[in-house]
Structure formats: structure tokens, C-alpha cells
Amino acid sequence: MRAIRGAICAENTKESILKNTTELLREIFEANDLDNGQVISITFAVTRDLDAVFPAVAARDLGLTSASLLCLQSMDVVGALPKCIRVEVLADINLAQSQVKHIYLGGAEVLRPDLVEGAK
């Protein structure tokens, strides 16, 4: 079992939050060769400036109907990246921790520069 992390930024509209959450989940699933049946739970944490829709709606729209989904508000830390959706996918996969691919997109790459392609 592994936890897979990721993040993406979005505008505070239903369309943007759902589109960007969908993109992030698809990238995580593709990079880690996941299918819906392997997902145990997904936790979404959004900054307080994103309140147009729950990001879990995008997961349900992708067919994740058996996994536990939870949406939370991130801590409001001074200087933190705004308009950010963070995700933690808990999945039943047989990968070593070093093989797990965490995905940061759409402006959220600044959160984990060590994971950006070409980083040293």
C-alpha cells in the first residue's frame, strides 16, 4: 500500500476546480499505473480561496465510487501558494516507495521542486 501525493492550482470556479482536479488525478493514475479498484481513499486539501465546488466531485465523475473521498481546507499559512488543490491517494499497489511518482502541475511544481523533471 502506498500514498501518492500531488497538487495543482485552479481558479475559484466550479469548471476550473473540476477540470484541474481531473487532470491531476489522471496524471497520477497514468504515472503510477493505477486503476480505480486499487484506490482505497483520496484526501483533498484546498486553500481557503477555493470554495466553488468539492474536488471530490471530479473523482466521482472519474468513476471512483467505492473509494473513500474527503475534502478539507488547508491550513491558512502566510505566504503559502494560493488557489491550490493538494491530494493524497492511498492505493493498494505493489511499488517500492522509490518507484511512486508524485505529480505536481499547473503552478504547484514550486511545492516540490525536487520532483520536477531535470531537478538535481
PDB file of N, CA and C in Angstrom:
ATOM      1  N   MET A   1       0.840  -1.155   0.000  1.00  0.00           N
ATOM      2  CA  MET A   1       0.000   0.000   0.000  1.00  0.00           C
ATOM      3  C   MET A   1       0.897   1.234   0.000  1.00  0.00           C
ATOM      4  N   ARG A   2       0.525   2.227  -0.801  1.00  0.00           N
ATOM      5  CA  ARG A   2       1.327   3.444  -0.915  1.00  0.00           C
ATOM      6  C   ARG A   2       0.449   4.683  -0.919  1.00  0.00           C
ATOM      7  N   ALA A   3       1.022   5.780  -0.436  1.00  0.00           N
ATOM      8  CA  ALA A   3       0.393   7.090  -0.518  1.00  0.00           C
ATOM      9  C   ALA A   3       1.068   7.852  -1.647  1.00  0.00           C
ATOM     10  N   ILE A   4       0.260   8.393  -2.528  1.00  0.00           N
ATOM     11  CA  ILE A   4       0.767   9.144  -3.678  1.00  0.00           C
ATOM     12  C   ILE A   4       0.290  10.581  -3.523  1.00  0.00           C
ATOM     13  N   ARG A   5       1.226  11.513  -3.600  1.00  0.00           N
ATOM     14  CA  ARG A   5       0.907  12.922  -3.392  1.00  0.00           C
ATOM     15  C   ARG A   5       0.894  13.683  -4.704  1.00  0.00           C
ATOM     16  N   GLY A   6       0.205  14.804  -4.687  1.00  0.00           N
ATOM     17  CA  GLY A   6       0.192  15.679  -5.842  1.00  0.00           C
ATOM     18  C   GLY A   6      -0.500  16.981  -5.522  1.00  0.00           C
ATOM     19  N   ALA A   7      -0.392  17.931  -6.446  1.00  0.00           N
ATOM     20  CA  ALA A   7      -1.052  19.222  -6.276  1.00  0.00           C
ATOM     21  C   ALA A   7      -1.168  19.908  -7.628  1.00  0.00           C
ATOM     22  N   ILE A   8      -2.135  20.815  -7.695  1.00  0.00           N
ATOM     23  CA  ILE A   8      -2.359  21.618  -8.894  1.00  0.00           C
ATOM     24  C   ILE A   8      -3.071  22.899  -8.456  1.00  0.00           C
ATOM     25  N   CYS A   9      -2.885  23.960  -9.199  1.00  0.00           N
ATOM     26  CA  CYS A   9      -3.578  25.215  -8.911  1.00  0.00           C
ATOM     27  C   CYS A   9      -4.794  25.342  -9.820  1.00  0.00           C
ATOM     28  N   ALA A  10      -5.779  26.117  -9.370  1.00  0.00           N
ATOM     29  CA  ALA A  10      -7.015  26.308 -10.127  1.00  0.00           C
ATOM     30  C   ALA A  10      -7.597  27.677  -9.801  1.00  0.00           C
ATOM     31  N   GLU A  11      -8.465  28.142 -10.662  1.00  0.00           N
ATOM     32  CA  GLU A  11      -9.241  29.342 -10.369  1.00  0.00           C
ATOM     33  C   GLU A  11     -10.440  28.930  -9.525  1.00  0.00           C
ATOM     34  N   ASN A  12     -11.046  29.873  -8.837  1.00  0.00           N
ATOM     35  CA  ASN A  12     -12.173  29.551  -7.969  1.00  0.00           C
ATOM     36  C   ASN A  12     -13.492  29.539  -8.742  1.00  0.00           C
ATOM     37  N   THR A  13     -13.564  28.632  -9.698  1.00  0.00           N
ATOM     38  CA  THR A  13     -14.816  28.363 -10.402  1.00  0.00           C
ATOM     39  C   THR A  13     -15.027  26.854 -10.387  1.00  0.00           C
ATOM     40  N   LYS A  14     -16.276  26.451 -10.457  1.00  0.00           N
ATOM     41  CA  LYS A  14     -16.583  25.027 -10.488  1.00  0.00           C
ATOM     42  C   LYS A  14     -15.846  24.358 -11.649  1.00  0.00           C
ATOM     43  N   GLU A  15     -15.883  24.997 -12.811  1.00  0.00           N
ATOM     44  CA  GLU A  15     -15.272  24.412 -14.009  1.00  0.00           C
ATOM     45  C   GLU A  15     -13.766  24.231 -13.840  1.00  0.00           C
ATOM     46  N   SER A  16     -13.079  25.244 -13.330  1.00  0.00           N
ATOM     47  CA  SER A  16     -11.630  25.174 -13.180  1.00  0.00           C
ATOM     48  C   SER A  16     -11.223  24.141 -12.131  1.00  0.00           C
ATOM     49  N   ILE A  17     -11.899  24.128 -11.006  1.00  0.00           N
ATOM     50  CA  ILE A  17     -11.568  23.166  -9.951  1.00  0.00           C
ATOM     51  C   ILE A  17     -11.769  21.735 -10.446  1.00  0.00           C
ATOM     52  N   LEU A  18     -12.886  21.473 -11.108  1.00  0.00           N
ATOM     53  CA  LEU A  18     -13.149  20.116 -11.605  1.00  0.00           C
ATOM     54  C   LEU A  18     -12.187  19.733 -12.721  1.00  0.00           C
ATOM     55  N   LYS A  19     -11.935  20.638 -13.650  1.00  0.00           N
ATOM     56  CA  LYS A  19     -11.015  20.359 -14.762  1.00  0.00           C
ATOM     57  C   LYS A  19      -9.613  20.061 -14.245  1.00  0.00           C
ATOM     58  N   ASN A  20      -9.122  20.900 -13.342  1.00  0.00           N
ATOM     59  CA  ASN A  20      -7.758  20.721 -12.849  1.00  0.00           C
ATOM     60  C   ASN A  20      -7.622  19.526 -11.928  1.00  0.00           C
ATOM     61  N   THR A  21      -8.636  19.245 -11.121  1.00  0.00           N
ATOM     62  CA  THR A  21      -8.600  18.045 -10.284  1.00  0.00           C
ATOM     63  C   THR A  21      -8.601  16.793 -11.157  1.00  0.00           C
ATOM     64  N   THR A  22      -9.419  16.790 -12.188  1.00  0.00           N
ATOM     65  CA  THR A  22      -9.457  15.665 -13.123  1.00  0.00           C
ATOM     66  C   THR A  22      -8.102  15.460 -13.783  1.00  0.00           C
ATOM     67  N   GLU A  23      -7.490  16.541 -14.237  1.00  0.00           N
ATOM     68  CA  GLU A  23      -6.167  16.446 -14.870  1.00  0.00           C
ATOM     69  C   GLU A  23      -5.145  15.863 -13.897  1.00  0.00           C
ATOM     70  N   LEU A  24      -5.144  16.344 -12.665  1.00  0.00           N
ATOM     71  CA  LEU A  24      -4.197  15.852 -11.670  1.00  0.00           C
ATOM     72  C   LEU A  24      -4.402  14.373 -11.387  1.00  0.00           C
ATOM     73  N   LEU A  25      -5.644  13.962 -11.169  1.00  0.00           N
ATOM     74  CA  LEU A  25      -5.915  12.549 -10.891  1.00  0.00           C
ATOM     75  C   LEU A  25      -5.527  11.666 -12.075  1.00  0.00           C
ATOM     76  N   ARG A  26      -5.862  12.078 -13.282  1.00  0.00           N
ATOM     77  CA  ARG A  26      -5.486  11.281 -14.462  1.00  0.00           C
ATOM     78  C   ARG A  26      -3.975  11.120 -14.567  1.00  0.00           C
ATOM     79  N   GLU A  27      -3.233  12.197 -14.311  1.00  0.00           N
ATOM     80  CA  GLU A  27      -1.767  12.127 -14.370  1.00  0.00           C
ATOM     81  C   GLU A  27      -1.218  11.193 -13.290  1.00  0.00           C
ATOM     82  N   ILE A  28      -1.766  11.278 -12.094  1.00  0.00           N
ATOM     83  CA  ILE A  28      -1.331  10.388 -11.011  1.00  0.00           C
ATOM     84  C   ILE A  28      -1.612   8.934 -11.370  1.00  0.00           C
ATOM     85  N   PHE A  29      -2.811   8.674 -11.878  1.00  0.00           N
ATOM     86  CA  PHE A  29      -3.189   7.301 -12.235  1.00  0.00           C
ATOM     87  C   PHE A  29      -2.294   6.766 -13.353  1.00  0.00           C
ATOM     88  N   GLU A  30      -2.056   7.574 -14.386  1.00  0.00           N
ATOM     89  CA  GLU A  30      -1.224   7.133 -15.508  1.00  0.00           C
ATOM     90  C   GLU A  30       0.221   6.902 -15.072  1.00  0.00           C
ATOM     91  N   ALA A  31       0.782   7.832 -14.328  1.00  0.00           N
ATOM     92  CA  ALA A  31       2.184   7.735 -13.921  1.00  0.00           C
ATOM     93  C   ALA A  31       2.452   6.543 -13.010  1.00  0.00           C
ATOM     94  N   ASN A  32       1.437   6.138 -12.247  1.00  0.00           N
ATOM     95  CA  ASN A  32       1.602   5.049 -11.290  1.00  0.00           C
ATOM     96  C   ASN A  32       0.877   3.775 -11.696  1.00  0.00           C
ATOM     97  N   ASP A  33       0.373   3.735 -12.929  1.00  0.00           N
ATOM     98  CA  ASP A  33      -0.318   2.570 -13.478  1.00  0.00           C
ATOM     99  C   ASP A  33      -1.431   2.086 -12.542  1.00  0.00           C
ATOM    100  N   LEU A  34      -2.245   3.038 -12.089  1.00  0.00           N
ATOM    101  CA  LEU A  34      -3.348   2.736 -11.169  1.00  0.00           C
ATOM    102  C   LEU A  34      -4.653   2.531 -11.914  1.00  0.00           C
ATOM    103  N   ASP A  35      -5.515   1.735 -11.325  1.00  0.00           N
ATOM    104  CA  ASP A  35      -6.907   1.690 -11.783  1.00  0.00           C
ATOM    105  C   ASP A  35      -7.798   1.974 -10.574  1.00  0.00           C
ATOM    106  N   ASN A  36      -9.031   2.318 -10.835  1.00  0.00           N
ATOM    107  CA  ASN A  36      -9.952   2.728  -9.769  1.00  0.00           C
ATOM    108  C   ASN A  36     -10.064   1.707  -8.643  1.00  0.00           C
ATOM    109  N   GLY A  37     -10.005   0.427  -8.967  1.00  0.00           N
ATOM    110  CA  GLY A  37     -10.156  -0.617  -7.963  1.00  0.00           C
ATOM    111  C   GLY A  37      -9.023  -0.679  -6.958  1.00  0.00           C
ATOM    112  N   GLN A  38      -7.893  -0.070  -7.262  1.00  0.00           N
ATOM    113  CA  GLN A  38      -6.757  -0.074  -6.353  1.00  0.00           C
ATOM    114  C   GLN A  38      -6.802   1.071  -5.345  1.00  0.00           C
ATOM    115  N   VAL A  39      -7.686   2.030  -5.574  1.00  0.00           N
ATOM    116  CA  VAL A  39      -7.740   3.211  -4.717  1.00  0.00           C
ATOM    117  C   VAL A  39      -8.574   2.928  -3.475  1.00  0.00           C
ATOM    118  N   ILE A  40      -7.969   3.130  -2.321  1.00  0.00           N
ATOM    119  CA  ILE A  40      -8.649   2.934  -1.049  1.00  0.00           C
ATOM    120  C   ILE A  40      -9.316   4.228  -0.607  1.00  0.00           C
ATOM    121  N   SER A  41      -8.553   5.320  -0.685  1.00  0.00           N
ATOM    122  CA  SER A  41      -9.110   6.609  -0.303  1.00  0.00           C
ATOM    123  C   SER A  41      -8.317   7.733  -0.957  1.00  0.00           C
ATOM    124  N   ILE A  42      -8.966   8.895  -1.056  1.00  0.00           N
ATOM    125  CA  ILE A  42      -8.305  10.100  -1.545  1.00  0.00           C
ATOM    126  C   ILE A  42      -8.683  11.238  -0.602  1.00  0.00           C
ATOM    127  N   THR A  43      -7.672  11.949  -0.145  1.00  0.00           N
ATOM    128  CA  THR A  43      -7.884  13.145   0.656  1.00  0.00           C
ATOM    129  C   THR A  43      -7.489  14.351  -0.183  1.00  0.00           C
ATOM    130  N   PHE A  44      -8.403  15.299  -0.265  1.00  0.00           N
ATOM    131  CA  PHE A  44      -8.156  16.550  -0.969  1.00  0.00           C
ATOM    132  C   PHE A  44      -8.048  17.653   0.080  1.00  0.00           C
ATOM    133  N   ALA A  45      -7.043  18.502  -0.046  1.00  0.00           N
ATOM    134  CA  ALA A  45      -6.918  19.679   0.810  1.00  0.00           C
ATOM    135  C   ALA A  45      -6.811  20.892  -0.101  1.00  0.00           C
ATOM    136  N   VAL A  46      -7.709  21.840   0.073  1.00  0.00           N
ATOM    137  CA  VAL A  46      -7.713  23.032  -0.773  1.00  0.00           C
ATOM    138  C   VAL A  46      -7.473  24.273   0.069  1.00  0.00           C
ATOM    139  N   THR A  47      -6.839  25.254  -0.534  1.00  0.00           N
ATOM    140  CA  THR A  47      -6.646  26.522   0.150  1.00  0.00           C
ATOM    141  C   THR A  47      -7.996  27.214   0.297  1.00  0.00           C
ATOM    142  N   ARG A  48      -8.088  28.113   1.268  1.00  0.00           N
ATOM    143  CA  ARG A  48      -9.389  28.696   1.601  1.00  0.00           C
ATOM    144  C   ARG A  48      -9.971  29.568   0.507  1.00  0.00           C
ATOM    145  N   ASP A  49      -9.180  29.919  -0.504  1.00  0.00           N
ATOM    146  CA  ASP A  49      -9.685  30.729  -1.611  1.00  0.00           C
ATOM    147  C   ASP A  49     -10.347  29.888  -2.702  1.00  0.00           C
ATOM    148  N   LEU A  50     -10.438  28.570  -2.504  1.00  0.00           N
ATOM    149  CA  LEU A  50     -11.136  27.680  -3.440  1.00  0.00           C
ATOM    150  C   LEU A  50     -12.357  27.094  -2.731  1.00  0.00           C
ATOM    151  N   ASP A  51     -13.528  27.582  -3.088  1.00  0.00           N
ATOM    152  CA  ASP A  51     -14.746  27.112  -2.425  1.00  0.00           C
ATOM    153  C   ASP A  51     -15.946  26.976  -3.356  1.00  0.00           C
ATOM    154  N   ALA A  52     -15.683  26.896  -4.664  1.00  0.00           N
ATOM    155  CA  ALA A  52     -16.778  26.819  -5.635  1.00  0.00           C
ATOM    156  C   ALA A  52     -17.374  25.416  -5.756  1.00  0.00           C
ATOM    157  N   VAL A  53     -16.586  24.388  -5.439  1.00  0.00           N
ATOM    158  CA  VAL A  53     -17.049  23.004  -5.543  1.00  0.00           C
ATOM    159  C   VAL A  53     -16.058  22.108  -4.799  1.00  0.00           C
ATOM    160  N   PHE A  54     -16.539  20.968  -4.330  1.00  0.00           N
ATOM    161  CA  PHE A  54     -15.646  19.989  -3.722  1.00  0.00           C
ATOM    162  C   PHE A  54     -14.847  19.289  -4.824  1.00  0.00           C
ATOM    163  N   PRO A  55     -13.516  19.181  -4.705  1.00  0.00           N
ATOM    164  CA  PRO A  55     -12.741  18.461  -5.720  1.00  0.00           C
ATOM    165  C   PRO A  55     -13.103  16.982  -5.814  1.00  0.00           C
ATOM    166  N   ALA A  56     -13.680  16.415  -4.770  1.00  0.00           N
ATOM    167  CA  ALA A  56     -14.085  15.008  -4.803  1.00  0.00           C
ATOM    168  C   ALA A  56     -15.125  14.745  -5.888  1.00  0.00           C
ATOM    169  N   VAL A  57     -15.856  15.768  -6.292  1.00  0.00           N
ATOM    170  CA  VAL A  57     -16.833  15.608  -7.383  1.00  0.00           C
ATOM    171  C   VAL A  57     -16.121  15.121  -8.645  1.00  0.00           C
ATOM    172  N   ALA A  58     -14.934  15.641  -8.907  1.00  0.00           N
ATOM    173  CA  ALA A  58     -14.170  15.205 -10.085  1.00  0.00           C
ATOM    174  C   ALA A  58     -13.798  13.729  -9.976  1.00  0.00           C
ATOM    175  N   ALA A  59     -13.429  13.287  -8.780  1.00  0.00           N
ATOM    176  CA  ALA A  59     -13.081  11.873  -8.581  1.00  0.00           C
ATOM    177  C   ALA A  59     -14.297  10.981  -8.824  1.00  0.00           C
ATOM    178  N   ARG A  60     -15.440  11.374  -8.316  1.00  0.00           N
ATOM    179  CA  ARG A  60     -16.667  10.595  -8.543  1.00  0.00           C
ATOM    180  C   ARG A  60     -16.988  10.552 -10.035  1.00  0.00           C
ATOM    181  N   ASP A  61     -16.795  11.683 -10.723  1.00  0.00           N
ATOM    182  CA  ASP A  61     -17.047  11.731 -12.173  1.00  0.00           C
ATOM    183  C   ASP A  61     -16.103  10.819 -12.952  1.00  0.00           C
ATOM    184  N   LEU A  62     -14.940  10.515 -12.368  1.00  0.00           N
ATOM    185  CA  LEU A  62     -13.992   9.585 -12.996  1.00  0.00           C
ATOM    186  C   LEU A  62     -14.301   8.131 -12.650  1.00  0.00           C
ATOM    187  N   GLY A  63     -15.385   7.911 -11.915  1.00  0.00           N
ATOM    188  CA  GLY A  63     -15.799   6.550 -11.602  1.00  0.00           C
ATOM    189  C   GLY A  63     -15.304   6.026 -10.272  1.00  0.00           C
ATOM    190  N   LEU A  64     -14.717   6.866  -9.461  1.00  0.00           N
ATOM    191  CA  LEU A  64     -14.242   6.428  -8.143  1.00  0.00           C
ATOM    192  C   LEU A  64     -15.411   6.437  -7.169  1.00  0.00           C
ATOM    193  N   THR A  65     -16.215   5.400  -7.261  1.00  0.00           N
ATOM    194  CA  THR A  65     -17.439   5.329  -6.463  1.00  0.00           C
ATOM    195  C   THR A  65     -17.297   4.458  -5.215  1.00  0.00           C
ATOM    196  N   SER A  66     -16.240   3.663  -5.128  1.00  0.00           N
ATOM    197  CA  SER A  66     -16.050   2.793  -3.966  1.00  0.00           C
ATOM    198  C   SER A  66     -15.014   3.332  -2.990  1.00  0.00           C
ATOM    199  N   ALA A  67     -14.161   4.226  -3.449  1.00  0.00           N
ATOM    200  CA  ALA A  67     -13.116   4.775  -2.584  1.00  0.00           C
ATOM    201  C   ALA A  67     -13.701   5.819  -1.637  1.00  0.00           C
ATOM    202  N   SER A  68     -13.109   5.920  -0.469  1.00  0.00           N
ATOM    203  CA  SER A  68     -13.477   6.963   0.478  1.00  0.00           C
ATOM    204  C   SER A  68     -12.835   8.265   0.019  1.00  0.00           C
ATOM    205  N   LEU A  69     -13.639   9.328  -0.080  1.00  0.00           N
ATOM    206  CA  LEU A  69     -13.142  10.634  -0.512  1.00  0.00           C
ATOM    207  C   LEU A  69     -13.410  11.655   0.579  1.00  0.00           C
ATOM    208  N   LEU A  70     -12.422  12.511   0.837  1.00  0.00           N
ATOM    209  CA  LEU A  70     -12.554  13.503   1.888  1.00  0.00           C
ATOM    210  C   LEU A  70     -11.950  14.816   1.413  1.00  0.00           C
ATOM    211  N   CYS A  71     -12.695  15.907   1.585  1.00  0.00           N
ATOM    212  CA  CYS A  71     -12.209  17.242   1.236  1.00  0.00           C
ATOM    213  C   CYS A  71     -12.023  18.052   2.508  1.00  0.00           C
ATOM    214  N   LEU A  72     -10.866  18.700   2.618  1.00  0.00           N
ATOM    215  CA  LEU A  72     -10.519  19.500   3.781  1.00  0.00           C
ATOM    216  C   LEU A  72      -9.986  20.847   3.333  1.00  0.00           C
ATOM    217  N   GLN A  73     -10.011  21.813   4.229  1.00  0.00           N
ATOM    218  CA  GLN A  73      -9.374  23.087   3.959  1.00  0.00           C
ATOM    219  C   GLN A  73      -7.961  23.044   4.525  1.00  0.00           C
ATOM    220  N   SER A  74      -6.990  23.470   3.715  1.00  0.00           N
ATOM    221  CA  SER A  74      -5.593  23.514   4.158  1.00  0.00           C
ATOM    222  C   SER A  74      -5.413  24.570   5.235  1.00  0.00           C
ATOM    223  N   MET A  75      -4.371  24.421   6.012  1.00  0.00           N
ATOM    224  CA  MET A  75      -4.006  25.471   6.961  1.00  0.00           C
ATOM    225  C   MET A  75      -3.786  26.769   6.194  1.00  0.00           C
ATOM    226  N   ASP A  76      -4.187  27.865   6.767  1.00  0.00           N
ATOM    227  CA  ASP A  76      -4.021  29.173   6.147  1.00  0.00           C
ATOM    228  C   ASP A  76      -2.684  29.762   6.605  1.00  0.00           C
ATOM    229  N   VAL A  77      -1.619  29.396   5.920  1.00  0.00           N
ATOM    230  CA  VAL A  77      -0.263  29.800   6.288  1.00  0.00           C
ATOM    231  C   VAL A  77       0.132  31.038   5.473  1.00  0.00           C
ATOM    232  N   VAL A  78       0.649  32.043   6.153  1.00  0.00           N
ATOM    233  CA  VAL A  78       1.099  33.262   5.488  1.00  0.00           C
ATOM    234  C   VAL A  78       2.155  32.909   4.440  1.00  0.00           C
ATOM    235  N   GLY A  79       1.951  33.394   3.211  1.00  0.00           N
ATOM    236  CA  GLY A  79       2.908  33.165   2.136  1.00  0.00           C
ATOM    237  C   GLY A  79       2.743  31.845   1.410  1.00  0.00           C
ATOM    238  N   ALA A  80       1.758  31.039   1.787  1.00  0.00           N
ATOM    239  CA  ALA A  80       1.542  29.746   1.125  1.00  0.00           C
ATOM    240  C   ALA A  80       1.020  29.955  -0.296  1.00  0.00           C
ATOM    241  N   LEU A  81       1.216  28.967  -1.129  1.00  0.00           N
ATOM    242  CA  LEU A  81       0.741  29.006  -2.503  1.00  0.00           C
ATOM    243  C   LEU A  81      -0.783  29.115  -2.524  1.00  0.00           C
ATOM    244  N   PRO A  82      -1.337  30.143  -3.166  1.00  0.00           N
ATOM    245  CA  PRO A  82      -2.795  30.298  -3.197  1.00  0.00           C
ATOM    246  C   PRO A  82      -3.436  29.424  -4.265  1.00  0.00           C
ATOM    247  N   LYS A  83      -4.748  29.275  -4.170  1.00  0.00           N
ATOM    248  CA  LYS A  83      -5.565  28.571  -5.171  1.00  0.00           C
ATOM    249  C   LYS A  83      -5.013  27.194  -5.493  1.00  0.00           C
ATOM    250  N   CYS A  84      -4.694  26.449  -4.458  1.00  0.00           N
ATOM    251  CA  CYS A  84      -4.018  25.159  -4.632  1.00  0.00           C
ATOM    252  C   CYS A  84      -4.878  23.996  -4.127  1.00  0.00           C
ATOM    253  N   ILE A  85      -4.931  22.966  -4.931  1.00  0.00           N
ATOM    254  CA  ILE A  85      -5.591  21.705  -4.583  1.00  0.00           C
ATOM    255  C   ILE A  85      -4.486  20.683  -4.354  1.00  0.00           C
ATOM    256  N   ARG A  86      -4.415  20.169  -3.153  1.00  0.00           N
ATOM    257  CA  ARG A  86      -3.445  19.115  -2.839  1.00  0.00           C
ATOM    258  C   ARG A  86      -4.212  17.801  -2.705  1.00  0.00           C
ATOM    259  N   VAL A  87      -3.545  16.711  -3.028  1.00  0.00           N
ATOM    260  CA  VAL A  87      -4.206  15.414  -2.972  1.00  0.00           C
ATOM    261  C   VAL A  87      -3.254  14.363  -2.417  1.00  0.00           C
ATOM    262  N   GLU A  88      -3.839  13.421  -1.683  1.00  0.00           N
ATOM    263  CA  GLU A  88      -3.109  12.229  -1.260  1.00  0.00           C
ATOM    264  C   GLU A  88      -3.980  11.031  -1.607  1.00  0.00           C
ATOM    265  N   VAL A  89      -3.478  10.204  -2.493  1.00  0.00           N
ATOM    266  CA  VAL A  89      -4.176   8.995  -2.924  1.00  0.00           C
ATOM    267  C   VAL A  89      -3.563   7.821  -2.179  1.00  0.00           C
ATOM    268  N   LEU A  90      -4.370   7.099  -1.430  1.00  0.00           N
ATOM    269  CA  LEU A  90      -3.922   5.880  -0.764  1.00  0.00           C
ATOM    270  C   LEU A  90      -4.363   4.713  -1.641  1.00  0.00           C
ATOM    271  N   ALA A  91      -3.380   3.942  -2.127  1.00  0.00           N
ATOM    272  CA  ALA A  91      -3.689   2.886  -3.094  1.00  0.00           C
ATOM    273  C   ALA A  91      -3.008   1.575  -2.736  1.00  0.00           C
ATOM    274  N   ASP A  92      -3.676   0.503  -3.076  1.00  0.00           N
ATOM    275  CA  ASP A  92      -3.157  -0.840  -2.885  1.00  0.00           C
ATOM    276  C   ASP A  92      -2.350  -1.213  -4.123  1.00  0.00           C
ATOM    277  N   ILE A  93      -1.063  -0.848  -4.108  1.00  0.00           N
ATOM    278  CA  ILE A  93      -0.177  -1.103  -5.252  1.00  0.00           C
ATOM    279  C   ILE A  93       1.111  -1.742  -4.767  1.00  0.00           C
ATOM    280  N   ASN A  94       1.718  -2.496  -5.646  1.00  0.00           N
ATOM    281  CA  ASN A  94       2.978  -3.171  -5.326  1.00  0.00           C
ATOM    282  C   ASN A  94       4.151  -2.425  -5.934  1.00  0.00           C
ATOM    283  N   LEU A  95       4.381  -1.211  -5.443  1.00  0.00           N
ATOM    284  CA  LEU A  95       5.531  -0.424  -5.872  1.00  0.00           C
ATOM    285  C   LEU A  95       6.378  -0.117  -4.642  1.00  0.00           C
ATOM    286  N   ALA A  96       7.685  -0.113  -4.839  1.00  0.00           N
ATOM    287  CA  ALA A  96       8.561   0.372  -3.776  1.00  0.00           C
ATOM    288  C   ALA A  96       8.324   1.868  -3.638  1.00  0.00           C
ATOM    289  N   GLN A  97       8.530   2.415  -2.452  1.00  0.00           N
ATOM    290  CA  GLN A  97       8.302   3.847  -2.249  1.00  0.00           C
ATOM    291  C   GLN A  97       9.079   4.679  -3.260  1.00  0.00           C
ATOM    292  N   SER A  98      10.282   4.239  -3.612  1.00  0.00           N
ATOM    293  CA  SER A  98      11.107   4.981  -4.569  1.00  0.00           C
ATOM    294  C   SER A  98      10.540   4.952  -5.990  1.00  0.00           C
ATOM    295  N   GLN A  99       9.611   4.038  -6.263  1.00  0.00           N
ATOM    296  CA  GLN A  99       9.001   3.938  -7.589  1.00  0.00           C
ATOM    297  C   GLN A  99       7.731   4.767  -7.729  1.00  0.00           C
ATOM    298  N   VAL A 100       7.188   5.218  -6.621  1.00  0.00           N
ATOM    299  CA  VAL A 100       5.961   6.012  -6.644  1.00  0.00           C
ATOM    300  C   VAL A 100       6.247   7.360  -7.293  1.00  0.00           C
ATOM    301  N   LYS A 101       5.360   7.771  -8.183  1.00  0.00           N
ATOM    302  CA  LYS A 101       5.521   9.049  -8.875  1.00  0.00           C
ATOM    303  C   LYS A 101       4.485  10.045  -8.350  1.00  0.00           C
ATOM    304  N   HIS A 102       4.980  11.031  -7.622  1.00  0.00           N
ATOM    305  CA  HIS A 102       4.147  12.112  -7.110  1.00  0.00           C
ATOM    306  C   HIS A 102       4.059  13.169  -8.203  1.00  0.00           C
ATOM    307  N   ILE A 103       2.893  13.784  -8.369  1.00  0.00           N
ATOM    308  CA  ILE A 103       2.651  14.666  -9.505  1.00  0.00           C
ATOM    309  C   ILE A 103       2.273  16.068  -9.029  1.00  0.00           C
ATOM    310  N   TYR A 104       3.021  17.053  -9.506  1.00  0.00           N
ATOM    311  CA  TYR A 104       2.757  18.463  -9.201  1.00  0.00           C
ATOM    312  C   TYR A 104       2.673  19.218 -10.513  1.00  0.00           C
ATOM    313  N   LEU A 105       1.526  19.870 -10.747  1.00  0.00           N
ATOM    314  CA  LEU A 105       1.229  20.500 -12.034  1.00  0.00           C
ATOM    315  C   LEU A 105       0.659  21.909 -11.855  1.00  0.00           C
ATOM    316  N   GLY A 106       0.553  22.606 -12.968  1.00  0.00           N
ATOM    317  CA  GLY A 106      -0.224  23.835 -13.038  1.00  0.00           C
ATOM    318  C   GLY A 106       0.121  24.889 -12.012  1.00  0.00           C
ATOM    319  N   GLY A 107       1.405  25.133 -11.798  1.00  0.00           N
ATOM    320  CA  GLY A 107       1.843  26.127 -10.837  1.00  0.00           C
ATOM    321  C   GLY A 107       2.218  25.551  -9.485  1.00  0.00           C
ATOM    322  N   ALA A 108       1.812  24.333  -9.198  1.00  0.00           N
ATOM    323  CA  ALA A 108       2.105  23.714  -7.903  1.00  0.00           C
ATOM    324  C   ALA A 108       3.484  23.043  -7.878  1.00  0.00           C
ATOM    325  N   GLU A 109       4.193  23.082  -8.988  1.00  0.00           N
ATOM    326  CA  GLU A 109       5.535  22.490  -9.033  1.00  0.00           C
ATOM    327  C   GLU A 109       6.461  23.139  -8.007  1.00  0.00           C
ATOM    328  N   VAL A 110       6.185  24.392  -7.639  1.00  0.00           N
ATOM    329  CA  VAL A 110       7.023  25.098  -6.663  1.00  0.00           C
ATOM    330  C   VAL A 110       6.979  24.443  -5.286  1.00  0.00           C
ATOM    331  N   LEU A 111       5.959  23.636  -5.033  1.00  0.00           N
ATOM    332  CA  LEU A 111       5.846  22.949  -3.750  1.00  0.00           C
ATOM    333  C   LEU A 111       6.876  21.839  -3.602  1.00  0.00           C
ATOM    334  N   ARG A 112       7.236  21.218  -4.713  1.00  0.00           N
ATOM    335  CA  ARG A 112       8.185  20.100  -4.693  1.00  0.00           C
ATOM    336  C   ARG A 112       9.157  20.209  -5.869  1.00  0.00           C
ATOM    337  N   PRO A 113      10.056  21.205  -5.833  1.00  0.00           N
ATOM    338  CA  PRO A 113      10.996  21.371  -6.947  1.00  0.00           C
ATOM    339  C   PRO A 113      11.906  20.157  -7.133  1.00  0.00           C
ATOM    340  N   ASP A 114      12.073  19.353  -6.072  1.00  0.00           N
ATOM    341  CA  ASP A 114      12.886  18.145  -6.178  1.00  0.00           C
ATOM    342  C   ASP A 114      12.259  17.094  -7.070  1.00  0.00           C
ATOM    343  N   LEU A 115      10.958  17.210  -7.350  1.00  0.00           N
ATOM    344  CA  LEU A 115      10.274  16.229  -8.183  1.00  0.00           C
ATOM    345  C   LEU A 115      10.095  16.696  -9.627  1.00  0.00           C
ATOM    346  N   VAL A 116      10.443  17.936  -9.912  1.00  0.00           N
ATOM    347  CA  VAL A 116      10.320  18.465 -11.269  1.00  0.00           C
ATOM    348  C   VAL A 116      11.364  17.800 -12.139  1.00  0.00           C
ATOM    349  N   GLU A 117      10.934  17.385 -13.340  1.00  0.00           N
ATOM    350  CA  GLU A 117      11.850  16.699 -14.251  1.00  0.00           C
ATOM    351  C   GLU A 117      13.093  17.543 -14.481  1.00  0.00           C
ATOM    352  N   GLY A 118      14.239  16.914 -14.360  1.00  0.00           N
ATOM    353  CA  GLY A 118      15.507  17.589 -14.568  1.00  0.00           C
ATOM    354  C   GLY A 118      16.097  18.167 -13.281  1.00  0.00           C
ATOM    355  N   ALA A 119      15.348  18.034 -12.158  1.00  0.00           N
ATOM    356  CA  ALA A 119      15.866  18.546 -10.883  1.00  0.00           C
ATOM    357  C   ALA A 119      17.040  17.699 -10.425  1.00  0.00           C
ATOM    358  N   LYS A 120      17.955  18.331  -9.747  1.00  0.00           N
ATOM    359  CA  LYS A 120      19.131  17.611  -9.258  1.00  0.00           C
ATOM    360  C   LYS A 120      18.924  17.162  -7.844  1.00  0.00           C
TER     361      LYS A 120
END
